[in-house]
Structure formats: C-alpha cells, structure tokens
Amino acid sequence: MKKRALLLFPLAAALLLTGCADAGSTAAAAGQLDARALSDIANVVAGDNDKAIIIDKESLKTQIPLAEKARKAMKVTPESCTEFVGGDIAEELEKMNVVSVSLPGSTPLQGIQVGLASYGDPADAATNMAQAEEILKDCANFSFSLQGQETTMGVKPLAAKTAASKTSAIQTSTSAGDTTISTVSVNALEGQNVITVAVMGGTDTRQDIAQAEELADTVLKLVEEKTS
C-alpha cells in the first residue's frame, strides 16, 4: 500500500526544534463537514483563550509551497520513511476539509493541538487513521536533517479510549541537539471524521493521555451535533 503523507502533529514539534484564520468557502461532499461547521467547532474548542490559533484548510494551502520546499531539502533516514514525513500534503488536503486549533502552553515547546479532518469518503478517513499503525510497524525510529539540524524521532504505541468507533494513540519523542520533546497524540475515527489531539511537552504521560481523551470526546460531541 502506498504510504501517504501523515498530517501528524508531532512533526510540528520537530520543526520547532529546527528552527485565527477565517473559514473559507470549501464545499463538502455528502456527510462531510463544511468549512463553516469546522469553524464553529474550532471556536468552541478555542473558547475564551485569546492566545488560541485557528488554522483552516485555506490557510494550510497557503503554507504548502513552504512545506514542499522543506520536504525537498529534507533527508530522511532510513529513506523508506521519507513518505511518512514528506508525502504529498496537497494531495491529501484535497480529500478533506480540515481545521486545527493550537492552544499554546507556558513555553514555545509546550501546548495542545486539536485537529479535525472531515473526509468526503469514509474510506480515506479510515486509511488516514491506519497510517499511525503503519508508522509504528515500519518507522518507529527515524531521523531527518533540515537546514543542517539533525532531528531524531521515536514513536511508540499507547493505550487510549474515546467514544469514537476507533481510537489509537502514540507517544513521540523528538530530539534535536540537547532538546527533547515528548508528544502524546490520541486519534479518534468516527465515520468520515478523524480527530487528533496532541499534547506537546508534557511530563506526565497518563495525565497527557487523559487530557487528550477528554478533548477528543468533546470534539466528537460537537461533530455529532453538526451531523445529526
């Protein structure tokens, strides 16, 4: 099976070590959440946090050229893991409507990121979810160099439970120089929707999992309200 680009939030931590958008008019397929619905959900997640950052699909698209430039400059070891790190993000975005909410922590290397991807085809949502399992099997440990900075990543499975039809969780350890960041990510699949909650820079894995599970369930309820 062809590896597809992972919209994996722990990679944000890796990029940090190397150095409120309005809703667009993105159309939606049957059963798929449109940009307005995603914006409404994101605003609930952000709440009254004036430091929260909401990024929608249209904003992500504007960042693709920079991401592509970084992808071409990146050297991944082992080479077989390259597509996990630098696959065709533009191609993947075309299959979904997506929104991301960043809730900054007390330092630049801490925070919570909540992502919601709503696919036109439920099969694409399931495939995206399966990528987390595939990276554990094929690329549990890999490294990449960018702008002269060597970054290593280790991924291991975690146990998590949400109200979704399927839940998976991973812990990613990202190291560059003398700095290491731990990120706990909980992924929840329900129908055409994939929810990812990443707690970055935490020090208590159990607490991070519990926080991520609670946030994932909150988003699940909001999705149900929009689709019922």
Protein backbone atom coordinates (compact mmCIF):
# COMPACT_ATOMS: atom_id res chain seq x y z
CA MET A 1 0.00 0.00 0.00
CA LYS A 2 1.33 3.41 -0.91
CA LYS A 3 2.36 5.46 2.10
CA ARG A 4 0.51 8.75 2.27
CA ALA A 5 1.51 12.00 3.89
CA LEU A 6 0.76 11.95 7.58
CA LEU A 7 -0.75 15.12 8.95
CA LEU A 8 1.00 14.11 12.13
CA PHE A 9 1.03 16.83 14.75
CA PRO A 10 4.22 15.63 16.50
CA LEU A 11 6.05 16.75 13.37
CA ALA A 12 5.27 20.31 14.44
CA ALA A 13 7.47 19.70 17.45
CA ALA A 14 10.26 18.55 15.18
CA LEU A 15 10.02 21.69 13.08
CA LEU A 16 10.03 23.82 16.22
CA LEU A 17 13.32 22.24 17.19
CA THR A 18 14.79 23.15 13.78
CA GLY A 19 14.38 26.44 13.88
CA CYS A 20 -7.26 32.95 13.69
CA ALA A 21 -7.98 32.30 10.13
CA ASP A 22 -11.48 32.92 8.82
CA ALA A 23 -13.48 29.98 7.46
CA GLY A 24 -13.15 29.51 3.72
CA SER A 25 -15.82 28.53 1.26
CA THR A 26 -14.69 24.92 0.91
CA ALA A 27 -17.52 22.76 -0.41
CA ALA A 28 -18.46 19.49 1.26
CA ALA A 29 -19.47 16.07 -0.02
CA ALA A 30 -22.47 14.22 1.40
CA GLY A 31 -21.99 13.73 5.14
CA GLN A 32 -18.80 15.78 5.18
CA LEU A 33 -18.44 18.78 7.47
CA ASP A 34 -18.01 22.01 5.55
CA ALA A 35 -15.72 24.92 6.42
CA ARG A 36 -18.37 26.77 8.41
CA ALA A 37 -19.15 23.74 10.58
CA LEU A 38 -15.45 23.17 11.22
CA SER A 39 -15.02 26.83 12.12
CA ASP A 40 -17.87 26.64 14.62
CA ILE A 41 -16.31 23.58 16.28
CA ALA A 42 -12.87 25.19 16.36
CA ASN A 43 -14.23 28.30 18.05
CA VAL A 44 -15.84 26.18 20.77
CA VAL A 45 -12.54 24.36 21.35
CA ALA A 46 -10.65 27.65 21.50
CA GLY A 47 -13.19 29.09 23.95
CA ASP A 48 -12.09 32.35 25.54
CA ASN A 49 -8.38 31.60 25.14
CA ASP A 50 -7.14 34.75 23.43
CA LYS A 51 -3.87 33.03 22.54
CA ALA A 52 -5.55 30.20 20.64
CA ILE A 53 -4.69 29.97 16.94
CA ILE A 54 -7.22 28.54 14.47
CA ILE A 55 -5.98 27.45 11.06
CA ASP A 56 -8.39 26.30 8.35
CA LYS A 57 -7.87 24.48 5.07
CA GLU A 58 -7.44 27.63 3.00
CA SER A 59 -4.73 28.85 5.37
CA LEU A 60 -3.00 25.46 5.21
CA LYS A 61 -2.99 25.64 1.43
CA THR A 62 -1.03 28.88 1.53
CA GLN A 63 1.68 27.10 3.54
CA ILE A 64 2.08 24.25 1.04
CA PRO A 65 4.85 25.92 -1.03
CA LEU A 66 6.97 26.37 2.11
CA ALA A 67 6.24 22.80 3.20
CA GLU A 68 7.19 21.49 -0.24
CA LYS A 69 10.44 23.44 -0.13
CA ALA A 70 11.26 21.94 3.27
CA ARG A 71 10.30 18.47 2.05
CA LYS A 72 12.69 18.65 -0.89
CA ALA A 73 15.51 19.87 1.36
CA MET A 74 14.91 17.18 3.97
CA LYS A 75 16.97 13.98 4.11
CA VAL A 76 15.25 11.13 5.95
CA THR A 77 16.98 8.05 7.37
CA PRO A 78 16.01 5.32 6.66
CA GLU A 79 14.99 6.52 3.23
CA SER A 80 11.93 4.25 3.25
CA CYS A 81 10.35 6.54 5.86
CA THR A 82 10.53 9.61 3.62
CA GLU A 83 6.89 9.44 2.52
CA PHE A 84 5.67 9.46 6.12
CA VAL A 85 7.49 12.73 6.73
CA GLY A 86 7.32 14.41 3.36
CA GLY A 87 4.50 12.95 1.30
CA ASP A 88 2.16 14.92 -0.93
CA ILE A 89 0.31 17.10 1.59
CA ALA A 90 -1.54 18.97 -1.17
CA GLU A 91 -2.95 15.69 -2.49
CA GLU A 92 -4.12 14.67 0.99
CA LEU A 93 -5.73 18.06 1.67
CA GLU A 94 -7.87 17.71 -1.44
CA LYS A 95 -9.60 14.71 0.16
CA MET A 96 -10.68 16.55 3.30
CA ASN A 97 -11.94 19.67 4.93
CA VAL A 98 -9.78 20.38 7.94
CA VAL A 99 -9.28 22.74 10.84
CA SER A 100 -6.61 22.93 13.52
CA VAL A 101 -6.69 24.68 16.89
CA SER A 102 -3.43 25.41 18.70
CA LEU A 103 -3.60 26.16 22.41
CA PRO A 104 -0.15 27.46 23.45
CA GLY A 105 1.45 26.30 26.68
CA SER A 106 3.69 28.14 29.08
CA THR A 107 6.72 27.72 26.76
CA PRO A 108 7.08 27.58 22.95
CA LEU A 109 7.71 23.83 23.23
CA GLN A 110 4.52 23.13 25.18
CA GLY A 111 0.90 23.22 24.14
CA ILE A 112 -2.08 21.34 22.80
CA GLN A 113 -3.11 20.95 19.19
CA VAL A 114 -6.56 19.75 18.21
CA GLY A 115 -7.16 18.75 14.60
CA LEU A 116 -10.36 17.72 12.87
CA ALA A 117 -10.28 16.30 9.34
CA SER A 118 -13.61 15.61 7.65
CA TYR A 119 -13.25 13.44 4.53
CA GLY A 120 -15.57 13.19 1.57
CA ASP A 121 -15.00 9.43 1.50
CA PRO A 122 -15.11 7.42 4.76
CA ALA A 123 -12.54 5.02 3.26
CA ASP A 124 -10.00 7.86 3.09
CA ALA A 125 -10.65 8.66 6.75
CA ALA A 126 -10.02 5.04 7.70
CA THR A 127 -6.83 4.96 5.62
CA ASN A 128 -5.55 8.09 7.29
CA MET A 129 -6.20 6.54 10.68
CA ALA A 130 -4.34 3.38 9.65
CA GLN A 131 -1.19 5.37 8.90
CA ALA A 132 -0.48 5.66 12.64
CA GLU A 133 -0.35 1.87 12.84
CA GLU A 134 1.83 1.66 9.75
CA ILE A 135 4.40 4.12 11.06
CA LEU A 136 4.69 2.06 14.24
CA LYS A 137 5.40 -1.03 12.17
CA ASP A 138 7.74 0.44 9.57
CA CYS A 139 9.25 3.61 11.02
CA ALA A 140 9.14 3.54 14.81
CA ASN A 141 12.55 5.22 14.78
CA PHE A 142 13.84 7.55 12.10
CA SER A 143 15.75 10.79 11.69
CA PHE A 144 15.85 13.69 9.30
CA SER A 145 18.16 16.59 8.62
CA LEU A 146 16.92 20.06 7.68
CA GLN A 147 18.93 23.27 7.49
CA GLY A 148 21.90 21.48 8.99
CA GLN A 149 19.95 20.33 12.04
CA GLU A 150 19.69 16.60 12.72
CA THR A 151 16.41 15.55 14.35
CA THR A 152 15.54 12.07 15.56
CA MET A 153 12.05 10.75 16.25
CA GLY A 154 10.93 7.67 18.13
CA VAL A 155 7.31 6.52 18.13
CA LYS A 156 5.67 4.00 20.44
CA PRO A 157 2.06 2.90 20.94
CA LEU A 158 -0.09 3.94 23.88
CA ALA A 159 -3.42 2.71 25.18
CA ALA A 160 -6.29 5.19 24.94
CA LYS A 161 -10.07 5.11 24.81
CA THR A 162 -12.65 7.54 23.47
CA ALA A 163 -16.30 7.37 22.46
CA ALA A 164 -15.27 7.03 18.80
CA SER A 165 -15.63 3.85 16.73
CA LYS A 166 -11.85 3.51 16.69
CA THR A 167 -9.16 5.06 18.88
CA SER A 168 -5.39 4.87 18.68
CA ALA A 169 -2.62 6.69 20.50
CA ILE A 170 1.12 7.19 20.16
CA GLN A 171 3.90 8.89 22.06
CA THR A 172 6.54 10.62 20.00
CA SER A 173 9.94 11.57 21.35
CA THR A 174 11.59 14.25 19.22
CA SER A 175 15.23 15.17 19.83
CA ALA A 176 17.46 17.82 18.30
CA GLY A 177 20.72 18.82 19.91
CA ASP A 178 20.26 18.89 23.68
CA THR A 179 16.48 19.32 23.49
CA THR A 180 13.91 16.52 23.58
CA ILE A 181 10.14 16.93 23.38
CA SER A 182 7.57 14.28 24.25
CA THR A 183 4.23 14.46 22.45
CA VAL A 184 1.21 12.31 23.27
CA SER A 185 -1.29 12.03 20.41
CA VAL A 186 -4.76 10.47 20.58
CA ASN A 187 -6.54 9.78 17.29
CA ALA A 188 -10.27 9.10 17.07
CA LEU A 189 -12.13 7.89 13.97
CA GLU A 190 -15.88 8.28 13.60
CA GLY A 191 -17.38 7.86 10.14
CA GLN A 192 -15.81 10.41 7.82
CA ASN A 193 -14.11 12.33 10.60
CA VAL A 194 -10.67 11.93 12.14
CA ILE A 195 -9.90 13.82 15.34
CA THR A 196 -6.31 14.19 16.53
CA VAL A 197 -5.39 15.70 19.89
CA ALA A 198 -1.69 16.19 20.58
CA VAL A 199 -0.33 17.24 23.97
CA MET A 200 3.20 18.52 23.43
CA GLY A 201 5.89 19.00 26.05
CA GLY A 202 4.10 17.23 28.89
CA THR A 203 5.89 15.35 31.66
CA ASP A 204 3.13 13.01 32.88
CA THR A 205 2.10 10.54 30.16
CA ARG A 206 -1.04 9.32 31.94
CA GLN A 207 -2.22 12.86 32.55
CA ASP A 208 -1.49 13.81 28.93
CA ILE A 209 -3.49 10.82 27.65
CA ALA A 210 -6.43 11.65 29.89
CA GLN A 211 -6.41 15.26 28.74
CA ALA A 212 -6.23 14.22 25.08
CA GLU A 213 -9.04 11.68 25.51
CA GLU A 214 -11.29 14.28 27.13
CA LEU A 215 -10.68 16.80 24.36
CA ALA A 216 -11.25 14.17 21.66
CA ASP A 217 -14.60 13.25 23.23
CA THR A 218 -15.55 16.93 23.41
CA VAL A 219 -14.89 17.32 19.69
CA LEU A 220 -16.78 14.09 18.96
CA LYS A 221 -19.87 15.51 20.64
CA LEU A 222 -19.57 18.70 18.63
CA VAL A 223 -19.27 16.67 15.42
CA GLU A 224 -22.39 14.68 16.35
CA GLU A 225 -24.31 17.90 16.87
CA LYS A 226 -23.31 19.09 13.41
CA THR A 227 -24.15 15.82 11.67
CA SER A 228 -27.36 14.85 13.49
